[in-house]
C-alpha atoms as a PDB file:
ATOM      1  CA  MET A   1       0.000   0.000   0.000  1.00  0.00           C
ATOM      2  CA  ALA A   2       2.870   2.389   0.725  1.00  0.00           C
ATOM      3  CA  PHE A   3       4.397   1.800  -2.724  1.00  0.00           C
ATOM      4  CA  GLU A   4       1.097   2.345  -4.423  1.00  0.00           C
ATOM      5  CA  ALA A   5       0.640   5.550  -2.453  1.00  0.00           C
ATOM      6  CA  ILE A   6       3.938   6.867  -3.797  1.00  0.00           C
ATOM      7  CA  LEU A   7       2.983   6.024  -7.354  1.00  0.00           C
ATOM      8  CA  SER A   8      -0.390   7.591  -7.000  1.00  0.00           C
ATOM      9  CA  GLU A   9       1.065  10.783  -5.447  1.00  0.00           C
ATOM     10  CA  GLU A  10       0.677  13.768  -7.681  1.00  0.00           C
ATOM     11  CA  ARG A  11       3.904  15.555  -8.559  1.00  0.00           C
ATOM     12  CA  THR A  12       3.800  19.308  -8.114  1.00  0.00           C
ATOM     13  CA  GLN A  13       5.250  21.588 -10.875  1.00  0.00           C
ATOM     14  CA  PRO A  14       8.082  23.990  -9.885  1.00  0.00           C
ATOM     15  CA  LYS A  15       6.960  27.446  -9.234  1.00  0.00           C
ATOM     16  CA  ARG A  16       7.696  30.343 -11.591  1.00  0.00           C
ATOM     17  CA  TRP A  17      10.126  32.174  -9.301  1.00  0.00           C
ATOM     18  CA  GLN A  18      12.219  29.045  -8.939  1.00  0.00           C
ATOM     19  CA  ARG A  19      12.618  28.776 -12.680  1.00  0.00           C
ATOM     20  CA  VAL A  20      13.645  32.442 -12.864  1.00  0.00           C
ATOM     21  CA  MET A  21      16.281  31.998 -10.135  1.00  0.00           C
ATOM     22  CA  LEU A  22      17.716  28.917 -11.888  1.00  0.00           C
ATOM     23  CA  ILE A  23      18.044  30.738 -15.207  1.00  0.00           C
ATOM     24  CA  ALA A  24      19.594  33.806 -13.535  1.00  0.00           C
ATOM     25  CA  SER A  25      22.117  31.644 -11.655  1.00  0.00           C
ATOM     26  CA  VAL A  26      23.225  29.839 -14.831  1.00  0.00           C
ATOM     27  CA  GLY A  27      23.562  33.142 -16.726  1.00  0.00           C
ATOM     28  CA  LEU A  28      25.560  34.762 -13.906  1.00  0.00           C
ATOM     29  CA  HIS A  29      28.023  31.854 -13.735  1.00  0.00           C
ATOM     30  CA  ALA A  30      28.484  31.863 -17.527  1.00  0.00           C
ATOM     31  CA  ALA A  31      29.185  35.631 -17.525  1.00  0.00           C
ATOM     32  CA  ALA A  32      31.764  35.230 -14.715  1.00  0.00           C
ATOM     33  CA  LEU A  33      33.531  32.435 -16.642  1.00  0.00           C
ATOM     34  CA  VAL A  34      33.735  34.525 -19.861  1.00  0.00           C
ATOM     35  CA  ALA A  35      35.011  37.559 -17.929  1.00  0.00           C
ATOM     36  CA  GLY A  36      37.762  35.456 -16.294  1.00  0.00           C
ATOM     37  CA  ILE A  37      38.945  34.116 -19.677  1.00  0.00           C
ATOM     38  CA  VAL A  38      39.016  37.605 -21.259  1.00  0.00           C
ATOM     39  CA  HIS A  39      40.889  39.065 -18.280  1.00  0.00           C
ATOM     40  CA  SER A  40      43.585  36.339 -18.369  1.00  0.00           C
ATOM     41  CA  ILE A  41      44.178  36.890 -22.122  1.00  0.00           C
ATOM     42  CA  TRP A  42      44.250  40.683 -21.735  1.00  0.00           C
ATOM     43  CA  GLN A  43      46.946  40.563 -19.026  1.00  0.00           C
ATOM     44  CA  VAL A  44      49.517  38.596 -21.129  1.00  0.00           C
ATOM     45  CA  GLU A  45      52.622  40.754 -21.676  1.00  0.00           C
ATOM     46  CA  GLU A  46      54.636  40.665 -24.871  1.00  0.00           C
ATOM     47  CA  MET A  47      58.344  40.012 -24.514  1.00  0.00           C
ATOM     48  CA  PRO A  48      60.420  42.953 -25.880  1.00  0.00           C
ATOM     49  CA  LEU A  49      62.694  42.198 -28.777  1.00  0.00           C
ATOM     50  CA  PRO A  50      66.445  42.763 -28.141  1.00  0.00           C
ATOM     51  CA  SER A  51      67.910  45.950 -29.645  1.00  0.00           C
ATOM     52  CA  LEU A  52      71.336  46.039 -31.269  1.00  0.00           C
ATOM     53  CA  GLN A  53      73.793  48.911 -31.647  1.00  0.00           C
ATOM     54  CA  VAL A  54      76.597  48.983 -34.226  1.00  0.00           C
ATOM     55  CA  MET A  55      79.680  51.170 -33.722  1.00  0.00           C
ATOM     56  CA  LEU A  56      82.363  51.796 -36.354  1.00  0.00           C
ATOM     57  CA  THR A  57      85.770  52.932 -35.119  1.00  0.00           C
ATOM     58  CA  GLU A  58      89.086  53.356 -36.875  1.00  0.00           C
ATOM     59  CA  ALA A  59      91.678  50.633 -36.389  1.00  0.00           C
ATOM     60  CA  PRO A  60      95.007  51.653 -34.755  1.00  0.00           C
ATOM     61  CA  PRO A  61      97.932  52.077 -37.202  1.00  0.00           C
ATOM     62  CA  PRO A  62     100.262  49.079 -37.540  1.00  0.00           C
ATOM     63  CA  PRO A  63     103.628  49.242 -35.688  1.00  0.00           C
ATOM     64  CA  PRO A  64     106.729  50.191 -37.716  1.00  0.00           C
ATOM     65  CA  PRO A  65     108.682  47.267 -39.219  1.00  0.00           C
ATOM     66  CA  PRO A  66     111.843  46.136 -37.391  1.00  0.00           C
ATOM     67  CA  PRO A  67     115.212  47.079 -38.920  1.00  0.00           C
ATOM     68  CA  PRO A  68     116.742  44.485 -41.291  1.00  0.00           C
ATOM     69  CA  ALA A  69     118.914  41.974 -39.478  1.00  0.00           C
ATOM     70  CA  GLY A  70     121.473  41.645 -42.308  1.00  0.00           C
ATOM     71  CA  ARG A  71     122.619  45.264 -42.148  1.00  0.00           C
ATOM     72  CA  LYS A  72     123.188  45.147 -38.391  1.00  0.00           C
ATOM     73  CA  LYS A  73     125.097  41.870 -38.657  1.00  0.00           C
ATOM     74  CA  SER A  74     127.362  43.166 -41.414  1.00  0.00           C
ATOM     75  CA  ALA A  75     128.096  46.282 -39.383  1.00  0.00           C
ATOM     76  CA  GLU A  76     129.032  44.190 -36.348  1.00  0.00           C
ATOM     77  CA  SER A  77     131.190  41.747 -38.353  1.00  0.00           C
ATOM     78  CA  ARG A  78     133.218  44.566 -39.967  1.00  0.00           C
ATOM     79  CA  PRO A  79     136.665  44.691 -38.351  1.00  0.00           C
ATOM     80  CA  LYS A  80     137.474  47.840 -36.486  1.00  0.00           C
ATOM     81  CA  SER A  81     140.257  49.903 -38.059  1.00  0.00           C
ATOM     82  CA  ARG A  82     143.282  50.593 -35.960  1.00  0.00           C
ATOM     83  CA  PRO A  83     144.330  54.182 -35.565  1.00  0.00           C
ATOM     84  CA  THR A  84     147.389  54.980 -37.643  1.00  0.00           C
ATOM     85  CA  GLU A  85     150.039  57.357 -36.541  1.00  0.00           C
ATOM     86  CA  ALA A  86     150.147  60.600 -38.456  1.00  0.00           C
ATOM     87  CA  LYS A  87     153.357  61.018 -40.405  1.00  0.00           C
ATOM     88  CA  PRO A  88     154.911  64.463 -40.717  1.00  0.00           C
ATOM     89  CA  GLN A  89     154.351  65.915 -44.164  1.00  0.00           C
ATOM     90  CA  GLU A  90     157.280  67.076 -46.213  1.00  0.00           C
ATOM     91  CA  LEU A  91     157.237  70.527 -47.695  1.00  0.00           C
ATOM     92  CA  GLN A  92     157.311  70.588 -51.465  1.00  0.00           C
ATOM     93  CA  VAL A  93     158.535  73.523 -53.466  1.00  0.00           C
ATOM     94  CA  PRO A  94     156.210  74.345 -56.362  1.00  0.00           C
ATOM     95  CA  LYS A  95     157.780  74.031 -59.769  1.00  0.00           C
ATOM     96  CA  GLU A  96     157.651  76.934 -62.139  1.00  0.00           C
ATOM     97  CA  THR A  97     155.886  76.256 -65.433  1.00  0.00           C
ATOM     98  CA  PRO A  98     156.660  78.348 -68.496  1.00  0.00           C
ATOM     99  CA  ASP A  99     153.872  80.606 -69.603  1.00  0.00           C
ATOM    100  CA  ALA A 100     152.113  79.663 -72.813  1.00  0.00           C
ATOM    101  CA  PRO A 101     153.116  81.864 -75.721  1.00  0.00           C
ATOM    102  CA  LYS A 102     150.630  84.606 -76.368  1.00  0.00           C
ATOM    103  CA  PRO A 103     149.487  85.065 -79.936  1.00  0.00           C
ATOM    104  CA  ASP A 104     150.810  88.197 -81.538  1.00  0.00           C
ATOM    105  CA  ALA A 105     148.414  90.740 -82.836  1.00  0.00           C
ATOM    106  CA  GLU A 106     150.192  90.676 -86.159  1.00  0.00           C
ATOM    107  CA  THR A 107     149.934  86.905 -86.615  1.00  0.00           C
ATOM    108  CA  ALA A 108     146.246  86.745 -85.597  1.00  0.00           C
ATOM    109  CA  ASP A 109     144.009  85.903 -88.504  1.00  0.00           C
ATOM    110  CA  ASP A 110     140.675  87.731 -88.474  1.00  0.00           C
ATOM    111  CA  GLY A 111     139.523  86.100 -91.679  1.00  0.00           C
ATOM    112  CA  PRO A 112     137.647  82.796 -92.119  1.00  0.00           C
ATOM    113  CA  ASP A 113     139.298  79.585 -90.930  1.00  0.00           C
ATOM    114  CA  GLU A 114     141.359  77.743 -93.461  1.00  0.00           C
ATOM    115  CA  ALA A 115     139.960  74.405 -94.611  1.00  0.00           C
ATOM    116  CA  GLN A 116     141.668  71.367 -93.160  1.00  0.00           C
ATOM    117  CA  PRO A 117     142.242  68.215 -95.172  1.00  0.00           C
ATOM    118  CA  GLY A 118     139.357  65.765 -94.714  1.00  0.00           C
ATOM    119  CA  GLY A 119     137.096  68.450 -93.176  1.00  0.00           C
ATOM    120  CA  VAL A 120     133.452  69.186 -93.969  1.00  0.00           C
ATOM    121  CA  VAL A 121     131.795  72.559 -94.466  1.00  0.00           C
ATOM    122  CA  GLY A 122     130.019  73.537 -91.239  1.00  0.00           C
ATOM    123  CA  GLY A 123     132.105  71.217 -89.068  1.00  0.00           C
ATOM    124  CA  VAL A 124     133.724  72.091 -85.761  1.00  0.00           C
ATOM    125  CA  GLU A 125     137.443  72.321 -85.172  1.00  0.00           C
ATOM    126  CA  GLY A 126     138.686  69.273 -83.301  1.00  0.00           C
ATOM    127  CA  GLY A 127     135.695  67.154 -84.375  1.00  0.00           C
ATOM    128  CA  VAL A 128     135.855  63.483 -85.331  1.00  0.00           C
ATOM    129  CA  GLN A 129     136.304  62.738 -88.993  1.00  0.00           C
ATOM    130  CA  GLY A 130     133.196  61.179 -90.511  1.00  0.00           C
ATOM    131  CA  GLY A 131     130.926  62.614 -87.796  1.00  0.00           C
ATOM    132  CA  VAL A 132     127.565  64.340 -88.195  1.00  0.00           C
ATOM    133  CA  VAL A 133     127.495  68.092 -88.790  1.00  0.00           C
ATOM    134  CA  GLY A 134     126.089  69.852 -85.729  1.00  0.00           C
ATOM    135  CA  GLY A 135     126.594  66.839 -83.483  1.00  0.00           C
ATOM    136  CA  VAL A 136     124.119  64.222 -82.258  1.00  0.00           C
ATOM    137  CA  VAL A 137     121.271  65.056 -79.877  1.00  0.00           C
ATOM    138  CA  GLY A 138     121.571  63.267 -76.555  1.00  0.00           C
ATOM    139  CA  SER A 139     119.359  60.331 -75.601  1.00  0.00           C
ATOM    140  CA  PRO A 140     115.786  61.275 -74.596  1.00  0.00           C
ATOM    141  CA  ALA A 141     114.848  61.511 -70.947  1.00  0.00           C
ATOM    142  CA  PRO A 142     113.612  58.233 -69.391  1.00  0.00           C
ATOM    143  CA  PRO A 143     109.835  57.877 -69.244  1.00  0.00           C
ATOM    144  CA  PRO A 144     108.172  58.608 -65.897  1.00  0.00           C
ATOM    145  CA  PRO A 145     107.600  55.589 -63.654  1.00  0.00           C
ATOM    146  CA  ALA A 146     104.289  53.852 -64.195  1.00  0.00           C
ATOM    147  CA  LYS A 147     101.627  54.610 -61.645  1.00  0.00           C
ATOM    148  CA  PRO A 148     100.573  51.698 -59.417  1.00  0.00           C
ATOM    149  CA  THR A 149      97.396  50.042 -60.658  1.00  0.00           C
ATOM    150  CA  GLY A 150      96.550  48.222 -57.427  1.00  0.00           C
ATOM    151  CA  PRO A 151      94.051  49.501 -54.838  1.00  0.00           C
ATOM    152  CA  LYS A 152      95.148  52.464 -52.743  1.00  0.00           C
ATOM    153  CA  MET A 153      95.321  51.969 -48.962  1.00  0.00           C
ATOM    154  CA  VAL A 154      93.387  54.676 -47.083  1.00  0.00           C
ATOM    155  CA  SER A 155      92.319  55.221 -43.487  1.00  0.00           C
ATOM    156  CA  ALA A 156      88.939  54.252 -42.070  1.00  0.00           C
ATOM    157  CA  THR A 157      88.061  57.963 -41.645  1.00  0.00           C
ATOM    158  CA  ILE A 158      88.404  58.631 -45.384  1.00  0.00           C
ATOM    159  CA  ALA A 159      86.468  55.466 -46.257  1.00  0.00           C
ATOM    160  CA  ARG A 160      83.658  56.388 -43.841  1.00  0.00           C
ATOM    161  CA  GLY A 161      83.294  59.733 -45.641  1.00  0.00           C
ATOM    162  CA  GLN A 162      82.774  57.867 -48.945  1.00  0.00           C
ATOM    163  CA  LEU A 163      79.854  55.755 -47.626  1.00  0.00           C
ATOM    164  CA  LEU A 164      76.549  56.145 -49.480  1.00  0.00           C
ATOM    165  CA  ILE A 165      74.500  53.984 -47.072  1.00  0.00           C
ATOM    166  CA  ASN A 166      73.693  53.992 -43.347  1.00  0.00           C
ATOM    167  CA  PRO A 167      75.503  51.040 -41.724  1.00  0.00           C
ATOM    168  CA  ASN A 168      72.956  50.999 -38.868  1.00  0.00           C
ATOM    169  CA  GLU A 169      70.066  50.053 -41.148  1.00  0.00           C
ATOM    170  CA  GLU A 170      68.644  46.535 -40.877  1.00  0.00           C
ATOM    171  CA  ARG A 171      70.052  45.119 -44.127  1.00  0.00           C
ATOM    172  CA  TYR A 172      73.508  46.682 -43.718  1.00  0.00           C
ATOM    173  CA  ARG A 173      74.442  45.483 -40.201  1.00  0.00           C
ATOM    174  CA  VAL A 174      75.502  42.201 -38.651  1.00  0.00           C
ATOM    175  CA  LYS A 175      72.906  40.655 -36.298  1.00  0.00           C
ATOM    176  CA  LEU A 176      73.574  38.779 -33.081  1.00  0.00           C
ATOM    177  CA  PRO A 177      71.665  35.570 -32.278  1.00  0.00           C
ATOM    178  CA  PRO A 178      69.057  36.042 -29.470  1.00  0.00           C
ATOM    179  CA  PRO A 179      71.175  34.311 -26.750  1.00  0.00           C
ATOM    180  CA  LEU A 180      74.165  36.588 -27.496  1.00  0.00           C
ATOM    181  CA  ALA A 181      71.978  39.673 -27.907  1.00  0.00           C
ATOM    182  CA  ARG A 182      70.557  39.243 -24.393  1.00  0.00           C
ATOM    183  CA  SER A 183      74.019  38.799 -22.853  1.00  0.00           C
ATOM    184  CA  GLY A 184      74.876  42.520 -23.110  1.00  0.00           C
ATOM    185  CA  GLU A 185      78.465  41.827 -24.244  1.00  0.00           C
ATOM    186  CA  THR A 186      80.358  43.636 -27.044  1.00  0.00           C
ATOM    187  CA  TYR A 187      81.978  41.657 -29.884  1.00  0.00           C
ATOM    188  CA  VAL A 188      84.786  43.239 -31.984  1.00  0.00           C
ATOM    189  CA  ALA A 189      86.056  42.077 -35.397  1.00  0.00           C
ATOM    190  CA  MET A 190      88.977  43.429 -37.485  1.00  0.00           C
ATOM    191  CA  LEU A 191      88.316  43.484 -41.241  1.00  0.00           C
ATOM    192  CA  LYS A 192      90.025  44.618 -44.430  1.00  0.00           C
ATOM    193  CA  VAL A 193      87.511  45.970 -46.946  1.00  0.00           C
ATOM    194  CA  CYS A 194      88.428  46.604 -50.614  1.00  0.00           C
ATOM    195  CA  VAL A 195      86.278  48.791 -52.889  1.00  0.00           C
ATOM    196  CA  SER A 196      86.345  49.107 -56.679  1.00  0.00           C
ATOM    197  CA  ALA A 197      86.644  52.368 -58.622  1.00  0.00           C
ATOM    198  CA  GLN A 198      82.857  52.349 -59.108  1.00  0.00           C
ATOM    199  CA  GLY A 199      82.196  52.113 -55.321  1.00  0.00           C
ATOM    200  CA  THR A 200      81.183  48.444 -54.983  1.00  0.00           C
ATOM    201  CA  VAL A 201      82.800  46.117 -52.424  1.00  0.00           C
ATOM    202  CA  THR A 202      85.162  43.661 -54.096  1.00  0.00           C
ATOM    203  CA  GLY A 203      86.504  41.832 -51.037  1.00  0.00           C
ATOM    204  CA  VAL A 204      86.065  41.492 -47.259  1.00  0.00           C
ATOM    205  CA  GLN A 205      88.953  39.825 -45.432  1.00  0.00           C
ATOM    206  CA  LEU A 206      88.511  38.793 -41.794  1.00  0.00           C
ATOM    207  CA  MET A 207      91.755  39.734 -40.011  1.00  0.00           C
ATOM    208  CA  LYS A 208      90.467  38.977 -36.472  1.00  0.00           C
ATOM    209  CA  GLY A 209      87.120  37.277 -35.779  1.00  0.00           C
ATOM    210  CA  ALA A 210      84.595  38.413 -33.168  1.00  0.00           C
ATOM    211  CA  THR A 211      82.803  35.095 -32.496  1.00  0.00           C
ATOM    212  CA  PRO A 212      82.061  32.083 -34.730  1.00  0.00           C
ATOM    213  CA  ALA A 213      78.333  32.791 -34.355  1.00  0.00           C
ATOM    214  CA  ILE A 214      78.571  36.006 -36.471  1.00  0.00           C
ATOM    215  CA  ASP A 215      81.895  35.778 -38.364  1.00  0.00           C
ATOM    216  CA  GLY A 216      80.187  34.174 -41.365  1.00  0.00           C
ATOM    217  CA  GLN A 217      77.882  37.212 -41.803  1.00  0.00           C
ATOM    218  CA  PHE A 218      80.627  39.782 -42.512  1.00  0.00           C
ATOM    219  CA  PRO A 219      81.364  38.961 -46.214  1.00  0.00           C
ATOM    220  CA  SER A 220      77.676  38.986 -47.198  1.00  0.00           C
ATOM    221  CA  VAL A 221      76.562  41.951 -45.066  1.00  0.00           C
ATOM    222  CA  ILE A 222      79.565  44.248 -45.730  1.00  0.00           C
ATOM    223  CA  GLY A 223      79.388  43.223 -49.397  1.00  0.00           C
ATOM    224  CA  ARG A 224      76.070  45.154 -49.672  1.00  0.00           C
ATOM    225  CA  TRP A 225      77.696  48.476 -48.696  1.00  0.00           C
ATOM    226  CA  ARG A 226      78.109  51.154 -51.397  1.00  0.00           C
ATOM    227  CA  TYR A 227      80.637  54.017 -51.627  1.00  0.00           C
ATOM    228  CA  ARG A 228      81.285  57.144 -53.647  1.00  0.00           C
ATOM    229  CA  PRO A 229      84.158  56.739 -56.172  1.00  0.00           C
ATOM    230  CA  LEU A 230      87.461  57.809 -54.596  1.00  0.00           C
ATOM    231  CA  LEU A 231      89.173  60.353 -56.893  1.00  0.00           C
ATOM    232  CA  ALA A 232      92.981  60.444 -57.152  1.00  0.00           C
ATOM    233  CA  ASP A 233      94.144  63.303 -59.457  1.00  0.00           C
ATOM    234  CA  GLY A 234      90.576  63.441 -60.762  1.00  0.00           C
ATOM    235  CA  VAL A 235      90.489  59.721 -61.682  1.00  0.00           C
ATOM    236  CA  PRO A 236      88.307  57.130 -59.846  1.00  0.00           C
ATOM    237  CA  THR A 237      90.657  54.791 -57.988  1.00  0.00           C
ATOM    238  CA  PRO A 238      90.024  51.488 -56.151  1.00  0.00           C
ATOM    239  CA  PHE A 239      90.980  51.486 -52.470  1.00  0.00           C
ATOM    240  CA  CYS A 240      91.178  49.319 -49.351  1.00  0.00           C
ATOM    241  CA  TYR A 241      90.925  50.268 -45.671  1.00  0.00           C
ATOM    242  CA  PRO A 242      90.978  48.621 -42.208  1.00  0.00           C
ATOM    243  CA  LEU A 243      87.598  48.373 -40.464  1.00  0.00           C
ATOM    244  CA  ARG A 244      87.034  47.796 -36.741  1.00  0.00           C
ATOM    245  CA  TYR A 245      83.458  46.469 -36.439  1.00  0.00           C
ATOM    246  CA  GLU A 246      81.722  46.371 -33.042  1.00  0.00           C
ATOM    247  CA  VAL A 247      78.431  44.599 -32.322  1.00  0.00           C
ATOM    248  CA  SER A 248      76.881  44.946 -28.866  1.00  0.00           C
ATOM    249  CA  GLY A 249      73.698  43.466 -27.425  1.00  0.00           C
ATOM    250  CA  ARG A 250      71.423  45.058 -24.838  1.00  0.00           C
END
């Protein structure tokens, strides 16, 4: 009878205010969840990209070459001369020489010279028989030495004044990898850059490397640089110069 009473019990419908509270609760929780997701995305900070700074300085001049060893050795191996005793000089009496006979005014001939046997008209007295009248012009002066055709070596200051590009632009500078850029260290490389008469880079020689991570970039990056033609006596001339390249990360 108890089980049948439960089955026969009439189920009551939920009231209207209960349905409204249920809907409001679900909507409020959904709005709070969406707001939390938007707030977490909005608060994400972007990591700043590392900035690089390129500095160009002039390389110090090379030291003077040492003196040749052969000259010093020959000077040391030369035997020292012994001082010789000065001998008293003997007085010599000058000998009298007879004066050359002076030509007399009466015997002087004011007329034209007499022809000598074997002579030629227009020749010179005392000349060589069979020579050329008037003599032979001396050999011409030697030609001036040829100007060097190789590239001219200039300082980094002069080469920097010939630059047509800004070496701090993105495509004209060497870039550090992110781990090295965040280290804050400065890397220095010594280069020898050669430029043609038209202002294009013809060669980049690495004299002293900065680090293996960036040494391979120098030929390709410096090869994009452009220069004004260097004029020597008004003529465009190829040139080379030493370059001290610094790359620092911050």
